Protein backbone atom coordinates (compact mmCIF):
# COMPACT_ATOMS: atom_id res chain seq x y z
CA MET A 1 125.76 156.37 63.41
CA LYS A 2 123.91 153.91 60.91
CA PHE A 3 121.37 150.73 62.55
CA ALA A 4 120.34 147.97 60.35
CA SER A 5 116.81 147.92 59.66
CA ALA A 6 115.05 144.75 61.52
CA VAL A 7 113.28 142.66 58.87
CA ILE A 8 110.23 141.19 59.81
CA ALA A 9 109.10 138.10 58.11
CA ASP A 10 105.56 137.77 56.87
CA PRO A 11 104.19 134.99 58.99
CA VAL A 12 101.96 133.49 56.91
CA GLN A 13 104.97 132.96 54.01
CA ALA A 14 107.13 131.55 57.00
CA PHE A 15 104.12 129.30 57.82
CA ILE A 16 104.21 128.10 54.33
CA SER A 17 107.77 127.69 54.04
CA ARG A 18 108.98 125.97 57.43
CA TRP A 19 105.92 123.06 56.42
CA LYS A 20 106.54 122.71 52.67
CA GLU A 21 109.70 120.73 53.56
CA SER A 22 108.23 118.53 55.96
CA GLY A 23 106.82 115.14 54.73
CA ALA A 24 105.62 111.55 55.21
CA GLY A 25 105.87 111.63 59.01
CA GLU A 26 102.26 112.20 60.24
CA ARG A 27 103.07 111.02 63.77
CA ALA A 28 105.96 113.13 64.54
CA ASN A 29 104.29 116.74 62.71
CA CYS A 30 100.56 116.37 63.18
CA GLN A 31 100.36 118.12 66.35
CA LEU A 32 102.88 120.87 66.00
CA PHE A 33 101.18 121.99 62.55
CA LEU A 34 98.09 121.90 63.75
CA SER A 35 99.22 124.41 66.99
CA GLU A 36 101.24 126.26 64.44
CA LEU A 37 97.98 126.43 61.93
CA CYS A 38 96.19 127.80 65.43
CA ASP A 39 98.44 130.78 65.55
CA LEU A 40 98.40 131.60 62.00
CA ILE A 41 94.39 132.10 62.26
CA GLY A 42 94.30 133.52 65.43
CA VAL A 43 92.57 130.69 67.57
CA SER A 44 93.58 128.93 70.98
CA ARG A 45 95.74 125.85 71.02
CA PRO A 46 93.87 122.71 72.19
CA ASP A 47 94.03 122.12 75.71
CA PRO A 48 95.48 119.08 77.83
CA THR A 49 94.10 115.96 77.68
CA ARG A 50 91.86 114.98 80.88
CA ASP A 51 90.99 111.55 82.19
CA ASP A 52 87.30 112.34 82.04
CA ASP A 53 86.50 112.45 77.85
CA ARG A 54 83.21 114.63 79.30
CA TYR A 55 86.14 117.50 79.79
CA ASN A 56 88.06 116.96 77.12
CA LEU A 57 86.16 119.35 74.57
CA TYR A 58 89.23 120.43 72.65
CA VAL A 59 91.97 118.15 72.36
CA PHE A 60 94.35 116.07 70.26
CA GLU A 61 93.84 112.19 70.42
CA ARG A 62 90.60 112.24 71.58
CA LYS A 63 89.25 108.59 72.09
CA VAL A 64 85.88 107.52 70.66
CA ALA A 65 84.44 103.69 70.43
CA TYR A 66 82.88 103.32 66.94
CA PRO A 67 81.10 100.27 65.65
CA ARG A 68 82.71 97.81 63.19
CA ALA A 69 81.35 94.51 61.44
CA TYR A 70 79.55 91.87 62.64
CA GLY A 71 78.90 93.53 65.83
CA ALA A 72 82.43 94.76 66.60
CA VAL A 73 83.23 97.91 68.52
CA SER A 74 86.65 99.43 68.01
CA THR A 75 88.12 102.44 70.03
CA GLY A 76 89.74 104.85 67.79
CA ARG A 77 91.41 108.20 68.46
CA ILE A 78 90.60 111.33 66.47
CA ASP A 79 93.61 113.24 65.52
CA LEU A 80 92.01 116.38 66.89
CA TYR A 81 88.55 117.53 68.09
CA LYS A 82 86.41 120.49 69.06
CA ARG A 83 83.44 119.74 70.57
CA GLY A 84 80.18 121.52 68.67
CA CYS A 85 83.15 122.27 65.95
CA PHE A 86 84.98 119.46 63.88
CA VAL A 87 86.26 115.98 63.98
CA LEU A 88 89.96 116.19 62.28
CA GLU A 89 91.68 113.35 60.71
CA ALA A 90 95.29 113.86 59.42
CA LYS A 91 97.57 112.02 57.27
CA GLN A 92 100.97 112.93 55.71
CA GLY A 93 101.92 112.50 51.96
CA SER A 94 104.86 112.70 50.18
CA ASP A 95 106.11 115.18 47.16
CA GLN A 96 108.72 112.55 45.77
CA LYS A 97 107.50 111.24 42.46
CA THR A 98 110.12 108.26 42.44
CA VAL A 99 110.24 105.39 44.72
CA SER A 100 113.28 105.47 46.46
CA LEU A 101 114.72 104.19 50.11
CA LYS A 102 114.32 107.60 51.22
CA THR A 103 110.90 107.39 50.91
CA ARG A 104 109.09 106.04 54.39
CA ARG A 105 107.13 102.61 53.61
CA GLY A 106 103.53 103.12 53.10
CA THR A 107 103.75 107.13 51.75
CA ALA A 108 101.13 108.12 49.29
CA VAL A 109 103.14 110.15 46.69
CA ARG A 110 100.86 113.47 46.18
CA GLY A 111 98.84 113.69 43.18
CA GLY A 112 98.47 110.16 42.49
CA LYS A 113 95.78 107.56 42.68
CA HIS A 114 97.24 106.22 46.24
CA TRP A 115 97.19 109.36 47.58
CA GLU A 116 93.40 110.51 46.62
CA ARG A 117 92.79 107.11 48.02
CA THR A 118 94.56 107.40 51.44
CA MET A 119 93.11 111.07 51.66
CA ASN A 120 89.11 109.68 50.91
CA ASP A 121 90.05 106.77 53.57
CA ALA A 122 90.87 109.48 56.05
CA ARG A 123 87.49 111.23 55.24
CA LEU A 124 85.72 107.99 55.86
CA GLN A 125 87.61 107.27 59.21
CA ALA A 126 86.64 110.93 60.30
CA LEU A 127 82.93 110.54 59.80
CA ALA A 128 82.83 107.53 61.38
CA TYR A 129 84.30 109.04 64.44
CA ALA A 130 81.84 111.71 64.42
CA ARG A 131 78.68 109.52 64.02
CA ALA A 132 80.25 107.83 67.10
CA LEU A 133 80.50 110.05 69.52
CA PRO A 134 78.30 110.02 72.41
CA ALA A 135 74.66 111.77 71.79
CA ARG A 136 75.15 114.29 74.48
CA GLU A 137 77.93 115.94 72.18
CA GLY A 138 76.48 114.80 68.85
CA PRO A 139 78.12 115.09 65.35
CA PRO A 140 79.99 118.49 64.72
CA PRO A 141 79.15 120.49 61.95
CA PHE A 142 82.46 120.13 60.07
CA VAL A 143 84.42 116.95 59.39
CA ILE A 144 87.93 118.10 58.39
CA VAL A 145 90.54 116.24 56.54
CA VAL A 146 94.23 117.18 56.24
CA ASP A 147 97.92 116.27 54.78
CA VAL A 148 100.14 117.84 57.33
CA GLY A 149 102.14 120.60 55.52
CA HIS A 150 100.05 120.50 52.22
CA SER A 151 96.18 120.86 52.28
CA ILE A 152 93.11 120.78 54.10
CA GLU A 153 89.96 119.63 53.10
CA LEU A 154 86.63 120.73 54.54
CA PHE A 155 83.16 118.53 54.68
CA ALA A 156 79.86 120.23 56.35
CA ASP A 157 76.67 119.29 57.73
CA PHE A 158 74.87 121.63 59.51
CA SER A 159 71.70 119.49 59.88
CA GLY A 160 73.09 118.08 63.38
CA THR A 161 72.35 114.42 62.38
CA GLY A 162 76.01 113.62 60.37
CA LEU A 163 74.51 112.18 58.06
CA ARG A 164 75.20 114.67 55.04
CA TYR A 165 78.27 115.47 55.31
CA ASP A 166 79.45 117.49 51.92
CA HIS A 167 82.26 119.07 50.48
CA PHE A 168 82.23 122.89 51.86
CA PRO A 169 81.91 125.24 50.58
CA ASP A 170 81.47 123.15 47.32
CA ALA A 171 83.35 120.21 45.47
CA GLY A 172 85.55 122.84 43.54
CA SER A 173 87.29 124.48 46.52
CA HIS A 174 86.60 122.32 49.81
CA ARG A 175 90.66 121.32 49.26
CA ILE A 176 92.83 124.13 50.60
CA LEU A 177 96.14 123.80 49.33
CA LEU A 178 99.08 125.28 51.44
CA ASP A 179 99.67 128.38 49.49
CA ASP A 180 96.16 129.43 49.86
CA LEU A 181 96.31 130.48 53.35
CA THR A 182 98.05 133.67 51.92
CA ARG A 183 94.49 134.84 51.04
CA ALA A 184 92.67 136.46 54.26
CA GLU A 185 89.40 134.70 53.41
CA ILE A 186 90.59 131.23 53.66
CA ARG A 187 92.31 132.09 57.13
CA ASN A 188 89.11 133.58 58.31
CA ARG A 189 86.88 130.56 57.20
CA LEU A 190 89.35 128.59 59.14
CA ALA A 191 88.99 130.77 62.34
CA LYS A 192 84.83 130.41 61.50
CA VAL A 193 85.32 126.58 61.59
CA TRP A 194 87.08 126.38 64.80
CA THR A 195 85.22 129.11 66.53
CA ALA A 196 81.88 129.79 65.12
CA PRO A 197 80.88 126.90 62.38
CA PHE A 198 77.26 127.72 62.30
CA ASP A 199 78.24 131.30 60.72
CA LEU A 200 79.19 129.25 57.61
CA ASP A 201 76.05 127.89 57.24
CA PRO A 202 74.62 129.12 53.97
CA SER A 203 70.77 128.85 54.74
CA ARG A 204 71.42 131.22 57.12
CA SER A 205 72.25 134.15 55.10
CA MET A 206 68.82 132.98 53.42
CA MET A 207 66.79 133.52 56.06
CA VAL A 208 65.19 137.00 57.20
CA PRO A 209 64.40 137.01 60.58
CA PRO A 210 60.67 137.94 61.44
CA ARG A 211 60.27 141.30 62.89
CA ARG A 212 59.33 141.33 66.47
CA ALA A 213 55.77 142.23 67.68
CA ALA A 214 57.04 145.52 69.28
CA ASP A 215 58.49 146.65 66.21
CA ARG A 216 55.43 146.12 64.00
CA MET A 217 52.99 147.77 66.56
CA ALA A 218 55.32 150.63 66.66
CA ALA A 219 55.38 150.84 62.73
CA PRO A 220 53.27 153.20 61.12
CA ARG A 221 50.17 152.33 59.91
CA HIS A 222 48.80 153.56 56.43
CA ILE A 223 44.90 154.44 56.61
CA THR A 224 42.71 155.22 53.89
CA ALA A 225 40.59 158.19 54.36
CA VAL A 226 36.81 157.03 53.86
CA VAL A 227 34.95 160.27 52.11
CA PRO A 228 31.24 159.71 52.46
CA ALA A 229 29.13 160.10 49.19
CA GLN A 230 27.60 163.82 48.44
CA GLY A 231 24.40 163.45 47.84
CA PHE A 232 22.45 165.15 44.78
């Protein structure tokens, strides 16, 4: 008797195929996309939000108050926040190349100037949120900008000041496209952003830890023997 062998789909390809079909629905898709991304890179999903923000360490829609022009203060919501790791702002563009009735109003077509401007505006919004977090939390090392189902952009500032967020790891590779998730090193990089962001600080790899005093004392000493001069 023959049994049909079960076909196990590659979870990475299944994720990519599933989300490439999405578009123009940031509100509807953002939290589901990010939750499934967490599963893909092997990190825990966000926690339920609590009434007291002191306990909202890793949540969707984290509230934050930030300054506006002329002394005004606004209250915003961070799409996804993890204390000590990142602030994430999400948008969702569209792959449609022509404007039609099916294209939702205000949706940016990917690859165009409007889309690039929308992504930059999202970055600026995320920076404002990161810098407005309470002093007890401080700016996290990463700011992330996501186009749901299309790309993930990383910006880092390991100084703790929130003043020098720059493309990470560089301007040529800070934008991770959905197909890039097939590469294990990209998934591992994202997992580090979620769990141990300071491990990605390039300055740490250049630092040589000082030898402990006990190690120095235990190290063998090279002593040059002094031979007394011979008299004649």
